[in-house]
Every structure is written in structure tokens, then in C-alpha cells.
């Protein structure tokens, strides 16, 4: 990480709770088959970002730079002990989201399914980490 990419931040139960609840709503929205695959992928990815932000906040920091999505994902092995392999998969979701948003790339059904599963698993991992390490934020 480069100097200046993180700011010290003190979080609380309200902030963490609001972000976790928003992630759950986004995951529910990702299951709505009446909308496009791109929209479903986008909201599942948004849930990943909200949960990754919780992990960073619970460790006393907030991203403050360009590339904050990449920073939040790549910090997960440090913030909650996520395996490097899982972080690589989440980072692939970030790159897919960038391609869809900035290049108009197609989002296929398989990518939506992977993103939803990754978001669900990350939510469970962060909630478990919070219960074990920062229960006052739950």
C-alpha cells in the first residue's frame, strides 16, 4: 500500500450495522431475476465492497484514494485473514466490474453466480471475524 491510501477512522456499531444491512439488501437484489445480469452483478459486487469496507473500518482505517476498491479487496488478508486465493477471486470480480462499467463488457450468468457466492461468503467471514475480534461492533 502506498502512503496516503488509508486514513485512520474510528467506527461504531451503527456504522458497521448500516453497512452490513446494506450489503444484505444488495445481495437480496442480486437474486432478482427480472433485472439484467449486469445489474445483478453490480449489486453483488457492491455488497462485496460494503463488507470489505466494514473489515477495513473495524481495523481502524478508511480508504482515501483512487483505487480504493482494489485497496479494500487487497487488504482483506490483513484485515480479516482472508486467504490470498479468495482475495484473487474477489479482485477478479473487481476487474470484471470495471470492464462492465467502463468498457461496456458483457456480464454472463456464471459471473453473476460467482459474484453472489463470493459476496455471501465474504459477508459470513466478516461477521464471524467481527464476533471473534470486535464483538462490540455487532
N, C-alpha and C. Protein backbone atom coordinates (compact mmCIF):
# COMPACT_ATOMS: atom_id res chain seq x y z
N UNK A 1 0.84 -1.18 0.00
CA UNK A 1 0.00 0.00 0.00
C UNK A 1 0.88 1.24 0.00
N UNK A 2 0.42 2.24 -0.67
CA UNK A 2 1.17 3.48 -0.75
C UNK A 2 0.77 4.42 0.38
N UNK A 3 1.69 5.30 0.73
CA UNK A 3 1.42 6.30 1.75
C UNK A 3 0.25 7.16 1.29
N UNK A 4 -0.65 7.44 2.22
CA UNK A 4 -1.79 8.29 1.92
C UNK A 4 -3.01 7.55 1.42
N UNK A 5 -2.94 6.23 1.26
CA UNK A 5 -4.09 5.49 0.78
C UNK A 5 -5.10 5.19 1.88
N UNK A 6 -4.66 5.26 3.13
CA UNK A 6 -5.54 4.98 4.25
C UNK A 6 -5.59 6.17 5.19
N UNK A 7 -6.76 6.36 5.77
CA UNK A 7 -6.93 7.35 6.82
C UNK A 7 -7.36 6.61 8.07
N UNK A 8 -6.89 7.05 9.21
CA UNK A 8 -7.34 6.49 10.48
C UNK A 8 -8.81 6.82 10.63
N UNK A 9 -9.57 5.84 11.09
CA UNK A 9 -11.02 6.02 11.22
C UNK A 9 -11.52 5.23 12.42
N UNK A 10 -12.34 5.86 13.22
CA UNK A 10 -12.95 5.18 14.36
C UNK A 10 -14.40 4.87 14.00
N UNK A 11 -14.75 3.60 14.04
CA UNK A 11 -16.11 3.20 13.67
C UNK A 11 -16.91 2.83 14.90
N UNK A 12 -18.17 2.55 14.70
CA UNK A 12 -19.04 2.14 15.80
C UNK A 12 -20.07 1.13 15.30
N UNK A 13 -20.84 0.62 16.22
CA UNK A 13 -21.86 -0.40 15.92
C UNK A 13 -22.87 0.10 14.87
N UNK A 14 -23.24 1.37 14.93
CA UNK A 14 -24.22 1.91 13.99
C UNK A 14 -23.67 1.90 12.56
N UNK A 15 -22.47 2.41 12.38
CA UNK A 15 -21.87 2.46 11.04
C UNK A 15 -21.70 1.05 10.47
N UNK A 16 -21.17 0.16 11.27
CA UNK A 16 -20.96 -1.23 10.83
C UNK A 16 -22.31 -1.88 10.52
N UNK A 17 -23.27 -1.70 11.38
CA UNK A 17 -24.60 -2.30 11.19
C UNK A 17 -25.27 -1.81 9.92
N UNK A 18 -25.16 -0.52 9.65
CA UNK A 18 -25.78 0.04 8.44
C UNK A 18 -25.13 -0.54 7.18
N UNK A 19 -23.81 -0.66 7.19
CA UNK A 19 -23.12 -1.22 6.02
C UNK A 19 -23.44 -2.70 5.83
N UNK A 20 -23.49 -3.47 6.91
CA UNK A 20 -23.82 -4.88 6.79
C UNK A 20 -25.26 -5.06 6.30
N UNK A 21 -26.16 -4.25 6.80
CA UNK A 21 -27.56 -4.33 6.36
C UNK A 21 -27.68 -3.93 4.89
N UNK A 22 -26.94 -2.92 4.47
CA UNK A 22 -26.95 -2.52 3.05
C UNK A 22 -26.41 -3.66 2.18
N UNK A 23 -25.38 -4.34 2.65
CA UNK A 23 -24.83 -5.48 1.90
C UNK A 23 -25.87 -6.58 1.78
N UNK A 24 -26.61 -6.84 2.84
CA UNK A 24 -27.66 -7.87 2.78
C UNK A 24 -28.75 -7.48 1.78
N UNK A 25 -29.14 -6.20 1.78
CA UNK A 25 -30.14 -5.73 0.81
C UNK A 25 -29.63 -5.89 -0.61
N UNK A 26 -28.36 -5.54 -0.83
CA UNK A 26 -27.80 -5.68 -2.16
C UNK A 26 -27.73 -7.14 -2.59
N UNK A 27 -27.41 -8.03 -1.68
CA UNK A 27 -27.41 -9.46 -2.00
C UNK A 27 -28.82 -9.94 -2.36
N UNK A 28 -29.81 -9.45 -1.64
CA UNK A 28 -31.20 -9.81 -1.98
C UNK A 28 -31.54 -9.31 -3.39
N UNK A 29 -31.14 -8.09 -3.68
CA UNK A 29 -31.40 -7.52 -5.01
C UNK A 29 -30.69 -8.30 -6.11
N UNK A 30 -29.52 -8.84 -5.80
CA UNK A 30 -28.76 -9.61 -6.79
C UNK A 30 -29.51 -10.88 -7.20
N UNK A 31 -30.44 -11.32 -6.40
CA UNK A 31 -31.22 -12.51 -6.71
C UNK A 31 -32.47 -12.24 -7.53
N UNK A 32 -32.75 -10.98 -7.83
CA UNK A 32 -33.95 -10.62 -8.59
C UNK A 32 -33.69 -10.89 -10.07
N UNK A 33 -34.32 -11.92 -10.59
CA UNK A 33 -34.06 -12.33 -11.97
C UNK A 33 -34.73 -11.45 -13.01
N UNK A 34 -35.62 -10.54 -12.58
CA UNK A 34 -36.31 -9.67 -13.52
C UNK A 34 -35.41 -8.55 -14.06
N UNK A 35 -34.26 -8.34 -13.43
CA UNK A 35 -33.34 -7.30 -13.89
C UNK A 35 -32.19 -7.93 -14.66
N UNK A 36 -31.41 -7.11 -15.31
CA UNK A 36 -30.32 -7.61 -16.15
C UNK A 36 -29.23 -8.29 -15.34
N UNK A 37 -28.48 -9.14 -16.03
CA UNK A 37 -27.33 -9.79 -15.40
C UNK A 37 -26.33 -8.74 -14.93
N UNK A 38 -26.15 -7.70 -15.71
CA UNK A 38 -25.21 -6.64 -15.34
C UNK A 38 -25.63 -5.98 -14.03
N UNK A 39 -26.91 -5.70 -13.88
CA UNK A 39 -27.40 -5.08 -12.64
C UNK A 39 -27.23 -6.02 -11.46
N UNK A 40 -27.54 -7.29 -11.65
CA UNK A 40 -27.39 -8.27 -10.58
C UNK A 40 -25.93 -8.38 -10.15
N UNK A 41 -25.02 -8.41 -11.14
CA UNK A 41 -23.60 -8.47 -10.84
C UNK A 41 -23.17 -7.22 -10.07
N UNK A 42 -23.63 -6.07 -10.54
CA UNK A 42 -23.23 -4.81 -9.93
C UNK A 42 -23.63 -4.74 -8.45
N UNK A 43 -24.85 -5.16 -8.13
CA UNK A 43 -25.27 -5.08 -6.72
C UNK A 43 -24.57 -6.14 -5.86
N UNK A 44 -24.26 -7.30 -6.44
CA UNK A 44 -23.49 -8.29 -5.68
C UNK A 44 -22.09 -7.76 -5.41
N UNK A 45 -21.49 -7.13 -6.42
CA UNK A 45 -20.16 -6.54 -6.24
C UNK A 45 -20.22 -5.41 -5.21
N UNK A 46 -21.28 -4.63 -5.25
CA UNK A 46 -21.45 -3.54 -4.27
C UNK A 46 -21.48 -4.11 -2.85
N UNK A 47 -22.12 -5.27 -2.68
CA UNK A 47 -22.14 -5.92 -1.37
C UNK A 47 -20.73 -6.31 -0.95
N UNK A 48 -19.93 -6.80 -1.88
CA UNK A 48 -18.53 -7.14 -1.58
C UNK A 48 -17.81 -5.90 -1.07
N UNK A 49 -18.00 -4.78 -1.74
CA UNK A 49 -17.32 -3.54 -1.35
C UNK A 49 -17.79 -3.07 0.03
N UNK A 50 -19.08 -3.18 0.30
CA UNK A 50 -19.59 -2.75 1.60
C UNK A 50 -19.01 -3.61 2.72
N UNK A 51 -18.92 -4.90 2.49
CA UNK A 51 -18.39 -5.81 3.51
C UNK A 51 -16.88 -5.61 3.67
N UNK A 52 -16.17 -5.41 2.56
CA UNK A 52 -14.72 -5.15 2.63
C UNK A 52 -14.47 -3.84 3.38
N UNK A 53 -15.35 -2.86 3.19
CA UNK A 53 -15.22 -1.60 3.92
C UNK A 53 -15.41 -1.83 5.41
N UNK A 54 -16.36 -2.65 5.78
CA UNK A 54 -16.56 -2.97 7.21
C UNK A 54 -15.27 -3.57 7.79
N UNK A 55 -14.65 -4.47 7.05
CA UNK A 55 -13.41 -5.09 7.53
C UNK A 55 -12.34 -4.04 7.77
N UNK A 56 -12.22 -3.10 6.85
CA UNK A 56 -11.22 -2.05 6.98
C UNK A 56 -11.56 -1.12 8.15
N UNK A 57 -12.83 -0.72 8.25
CA UNK A 57 -13.27 0.17 9.34
C UNK A 57 -13.05 -0.48 10.70
N UNK A 58 -13.34 -1.77 10.79
CA UNK A 58 -13.19 -2.49 12.07
C UNK A 58 -11.74 -2.59 12.50
N UNK A 59 -10.84 -2.36 11.56
CA UNK A 59 -9.41 -2.35 11.87
C UNK A 59 -8.86 -0.94 12.05
N UNK A 60 -9.77 0.06 12.05
CA UNK A 60 -9.37 1.42 12.35
C UNK A 60 -8.96 2.27 11.17
N UNK A 61 -9.35 1.87 9.96
CA UNK A 61 -8.95 2.62 8.77
C UNK A 61 -10.11 2.80 7.80
N UNK A 62 -9.91 3.76 6.91
CA UNK A 62 -10.82 4.01 5.81
C UNK A 62 -9.96 4.32 4.59
N UNK A 63 -10.34 3.80 3.42
CA UNK A 63 -9.59 4.08 2.20
C UNK A 63 -9.80 5.54 1.80
N UNK A 64 -8.74 6.17 1.36
CA UNK A 64 -8.81 7.58 0.98
C UNK A 64 -7.94 7.81 -0.26
N UNK A 65 -8.32 7.19 -1.37
CA UNK A 65 -7.50 7.37 -2.57
C UNK A 65 -8.21 6.84 -3.78
N UNK A 66 -7.63 7.15 -4.94
CA UNK A 66 -8.05 6.47 -6.15
C UNK A 66 -7.69 5.01 -5.99
N UNK A 67 -8.46 4.16 -6.60
CA UNK A 67 -8.18 2.75 -6.48
C UNK A 67 -8.62 2.16 -5.15
N UNK A 68 -9.58 2.82 -4.49
CA UNK A 68 -9.98 2.33 -3.17
C UNK A 68 -10.65 0.96 -3.23
N UNK A 69 -11.29 0.60 -4.32
CA UNK A 69 -11.88 -0.74 -4.43
C UNK A 69 -10.77 -1.79 -4.37
N UNK A 70 -9.74 -1.57 -5.14
CA UNK A 70 -8.61 -2.50 -5.16
C UNK A 70 -7.97 -2.58 -3.77
N UNK A 71 -7.78 -1.46 -3.13
CA UNK A 71 -7.19 -1.41 -1.80
C UNK A 71 -8.03 -2.19 -0.79
N UNK A 72 -9.34 -1.99 -0.82
CA UNK A 72 -10.19 -2.68 0.16
C UNK A 72 -10.16 -4.18 -0.05
N UNK A 73 -10.17 -4.62 -1.30
CA UNK A 73 -10.11 -6.06 -1.57
C UNK A 73 -8.75 -6.63 -1.19
N UNK A 74 -7.70 -5.96 -1.61
CA UNK A 74 -6.36 -6.49 -1.37
C UNK A 74 -5.93 -6.39 0.09
N UNK A 75 -6.66 -5.63 0.90
CA UNK A 75 -6.33 -5.57 2.32
C UNK A 75 -7.02 -6.67 3.13
N UNK A 76 -7.94 -7.40 2.53
CA UNK A 76 -8.68 -8.43 3.27
C UNK A 76 -7.80 -9.50 3.92
N UNK A 77 -6.70 -9.94 3.30
CA UNK A 77 -5.84 -10.88 4.02
C UNK A 77 -5.27 -10.28 5.31
N UNK A 78 -5.06 -8.97 5.33
CA UNK A 78 -4.54 -8.31 6.52
C UNK A 78 -5.64 -7.98 7.53
N UNK A 79 -6.82 -7.58 7.04
CA UNK A 79 -7.87 -7.14 7.96
C UNK A 79 -8.60 -8.29 8.61
N UNK A 80 -8.89 -9.36 7.86
CA UNK A 80 -9.65 -10.49 8.44
C UNK A 80 -8.97 -11.83 8.23
N UNK A 81 -7.77 -11.83 7.66
CA UNK A 81 -7.06 -13.09 7.44
C UNK A 81 -7.60 -13.91 6.27
N UNK A 82 -8.26 -13.26 5.32
CA UNK A 82 -8.78 -13.96 4.15
C UNK A 82 -7.62 -14.58 3.38
N UNK A 83 -7.83 -15.76 2.83
CA UNK A 83 -6.76 -16.40 2.07
C UNK A 83 -6.44 -15.59 0.82
N UNK A 84 -5.20 -15.66 0.41
CA UNK A 84 -4.77 -14.96 -0.79
C UNK A 84 -5.55 -15.45 -2.02
N UNK A 85 -5.86 -16.74 -2.05
CA UNK A 85 -6.61 -17.31 -3.17
C UNK A 85 -8.00 -16.69 -3.28
N UNK A 86 -8.67 -16.53 -2.16
CA UNK A 86 -10.01 -15.91 -2.18
C UNK A 86 -9.91 -14.44 -2.55
N UNK A 87 -8.86 -13.78 -2.08
CA UNK A 87 -8.68 -12.38 -2.43
C UNK A 87 -8.50 -12.22 -3.94
N UNK A 88 -7.78 -13.15 -4.56
CA UNK A 88 -7.57 -13.11 -6.01
C UNK A 88 -8.90 -13.23 -6.75
N UNK A 89 -9.78 -14.10 -6.26
CA UNK A 89 -11.11 -14.25 -6.89
C UNK A 89 -11.91 -12.96 -6.75
N UNK A 90 -11.89 -12.36 -5.56
CA UNK A 90 -12.60 -11.09 -5.35
C UNK A 90 -12.02 -9.99 -6.25
N UNK A 91 -10.71 -9.99 -6.41
CA UNK A 91 -10.09 -8.99 -7.27
C UNK A 91 -10.49 -9.21 -8.73
N UNK A 92 -10.70 -10.46 -9.13
CA UNK A 92 -11.19 -10.74 -10.49
C UNK A 92 -12.60 -10.17 -10.66
N UNK A 93 -13.41 -10.21 -9.61
CA UNK A 93 -14.74 -9.61 -9.66
C UNK A 93 -14.62 -8.09 -9.83
N UNK A 94 -13.64 -7.50 -9.18
CA UNK A 94 -13.41 -6.05 -9.32
C UNK A 94 -13.05 -5.72 -10.77
N UNK A 95 -12.16 -6.50 -11.35
CA UNK A 95 -11.75 -6.25 -12.74
C UNK A 95 -12.93 -6.44 -13.69
N UNK A 96 -13.76 -7.45 -13.43
CA UNK A 96 -14.94 -7.69 -14.26
C UNK A 96 -15.90 -6.52 -14.15
N UNK A 97 -16.08 -6.01 -12.95
CA UNK A 97 -16.95 -4.85 -12.74
C UNK A 97 -16.42 -3.63 -13.48
N UNK A 98 -15.10 -3.42 -13.43
CA UNK A 98 -14.50 -2.30 -14.16
C UNK A 98 -14.73 -2.44 -15.66
N UNK A 99 -14.56 -3.64 -16.18
CA UNK A 99 -14.76 -3.87 -17.61
C UNK A 99 -16.21 -3.62 -18.00
N UNK A 100 -17.14 -4.04 -17.16
CA UNK A 100 -18.56 -3.82 -17.44
C UNK A 100 -18.91 -2.34 -17.37
N UNK A 101 -18.40 -1.65 -16.35
CA UNK A 101 -18.74 -0.24 -16.15
C UNK A 101 -18.05 0.69 -17.14
N UNK A 102 -16.79 0.44 -17.43
CA UNK A 102 -16.02 1.40 -18.21
C UNK A 102 -15.77 0.99 -19.65
N UNK A 103 -16.01 -0.29 -19.98
CA UNK A 103 -15.82 -0.74 -21.36
C UNK A 103 -17.10 -1.30 -21.97
N UNK A 104 -18.14 -1.43 -21.15
CA UNK A 104 -19.39 -1.98 -21.64
C UNK A 104 -19.35 -3.47 -21.86
N UNK A 105 -18.41 -4.15 -21.23
CA UNK A 105 -18.27 -5.60 -21.40
C UNK A 105 -19.51 -6.33 -20.89
N UNK A 106 -19.82 -7.44 -21.54
CA UNK A 106 -20.96 -8.27 -21.18
C UNK A 106 -20.70 -9.01 -19.88
N UNK A 107 -21.72 -9.12 -19.05
CA UNK A 107 -21.65 -9.90 -17.82
C UNK A 107 -22.49 -11.16 -18.02
N UNK A 108 -21.87 -12.32 -17.92
CA UNK A 108 -22.58 -13.58 -18.14
C UNK A 108 -23.17 -14.11 -16.84
N UNK A 109 -24.07 -15.07 -16.97
CA UNK A 109 -24.76 -15.65 -15.82
C UNK A 109 -23.78 -16.27 -14.83
N UNK A 110 -22.75 -16.95 -15.32
CA UNK A 110 -21.76 -17.57 -14.44
C UNK A 110 -21.05 -16.55 -13.56
N UNK A 111 -20.74 -15.40 -14.15
CA UNK A 111 -20.07 -14.35 -13.37
C UNK A 111 -20.98 -13.81 -12.28
N UNK A 112 -22.27 -13.70 -12.57
CA UNK A 112 -23.23 -13.25 -11.56
C UNK A 112 -23.26 -14.26 -10.41
N UNK A 113 -23.35 -15.54 -10.75
CA UNK A 113 -23.40 -16.56 -9.71
C UNK A 113 -22.15 -16.55 -8.84
N UNK A 114 -20.98 -16.44 -9.47
CA UNK A 114 -19.72 -16.40 -8.71
C UNK A 114 -19.70 -15.18 -7.80
N UNK A 115 -20.09 -14.04 -8.32
CA UNK A 115 -20.05 -12.80 -7.54
C UNK A 115 -21.00 -12.89 -6.34
N UNK A 116 -22.18 -13.43 -6.55
CA UNK A 116 -23.14 -13.57 -5.45
C UNK A 116 -22.59 -14.50 -4.37
N UNK A 117 -22.06 -15.64 -4.77
CA UNK A 117 -21.50 -16.59 -3.80
C UNK A 117 -20.33 -15.97 -3.06
N UNK A 118 -19.46 -15.26 -3.77
CA UNK A 118 -18.32 -14.61 -3.13
C UNK A 118 -18.79 -13.56 -2.13
N UNK A 119 -19.82 -12.80 -2.48
CA UNK A 119 -20.35 -11.78 -1.57
C UNK A 119 -20.94 -12.43 -0.33
N UNK A 120 -21.70 -13.50 -0.51
CA UNK A 120 -22.31 -14.21 0.62
C UNK A 120 -21.23 -14.76 1.55
N UNK A 121 -20.21 -15.37 0.97
CA UNK A 121 -19.14 -15.95 1.79
C UNK A 121 -18.35 -14.87 2.52
N UNK A 122 -18.07 -13.76 1.84
CA UNK A 122 -17.34 -12.68 2.49
C UNK A 122 -18.15 -12.08 3.62
N UNK A 123 -19.44 -11.91 3.42
CA UNK A 123 -20.31 -11.41 4.49
C UNK A 123 -20.23 -12.33 5.70
N UNK A 124 -20.34 -13.62 5.48
CA UNK A 124 -20.25 -14.59 6.60
C UNK A 124 -18.88 -14.53 7.27
N UNK A 125 -17.82 -14.42 6.47
CA UNK A 125 -16.46 -14.35 7.02
C UNK A 125 -16.27 -13.10 7.88
N UNK A 126 -16.73 -11.97 7.39
CA UNK A 126 -16.55 -10.72 8.13
C UNK A 126 -17.40 -10.72 9.40
N UNK A 127 -18.62 -11.22 9.30
CA UNK A 127 -19.45 -11.29 10.51
C UNK A 127 -18.80 -12.21 11.55
N UNK A 128 -18.25 -13.32 11.12
CA UNK A 128 -17.55 -14.24 12.04
C UNK A 128 -16.34 -13.53 12.66
N UNK A 129 -15.55 -12.84 11.83
CA UNK A 129 -14.38 -12.13 12.31
C UNK A 129 -14.79 -11.06 13.33
N UNK A 130 -15.87 -10.34 13.04
CA UNK A 130 -16.34 -9.32 13.98
C UNK A 130 -16.74 -9.94 15.32
N UNK A 131 -17.49 -11.04 15.28
CA UNK A 131 -17.92 -11.70 16.52
C UNK A 131 -16.71 -12.13 17.35
N UNK A 132 -15.66 -12.60 16.68
CA UNK A 132 -14.48 -13.10 17.39
C UNK A 132 -13.52 -12.00 17.81
N UNK A 133 -13.45 -10.90 17.04
CA UNK A 133 -12.42 -9.89 17.27
C UNK A 133 -12.93 -8.52 17.68
N UNK A 134 -14.12 -8.18 17.26
CA UNK A 134 -14.70 -6.85 17.59
C UNK A 134 -16.18 -6.99 17.90
N UNK A 135 -16.53 -7.82 18.90
CA UNK A 135 -17.95 -8.08 19.17
C UNK A 135 -18.73 -6.82 19.53
N UNK A 136 -18.06 -5.81 20.02
CA UNK A 136 -18.77 -4.57 20.36
C UNK A 136 -19.33 -3.86 19.13
N UNK A 137 -18.89 -4.26 17.94
CA UNK A 137 -19.39 -3.65 16.70
C UNK A 137 -20.58 -4.40 16.13
N UNK A 138 -20.92 -5.52 16.75
CA UNK A 138 -22.07 -6.32 16.24
C UNK A 138 -23.35 -5.93 16.93
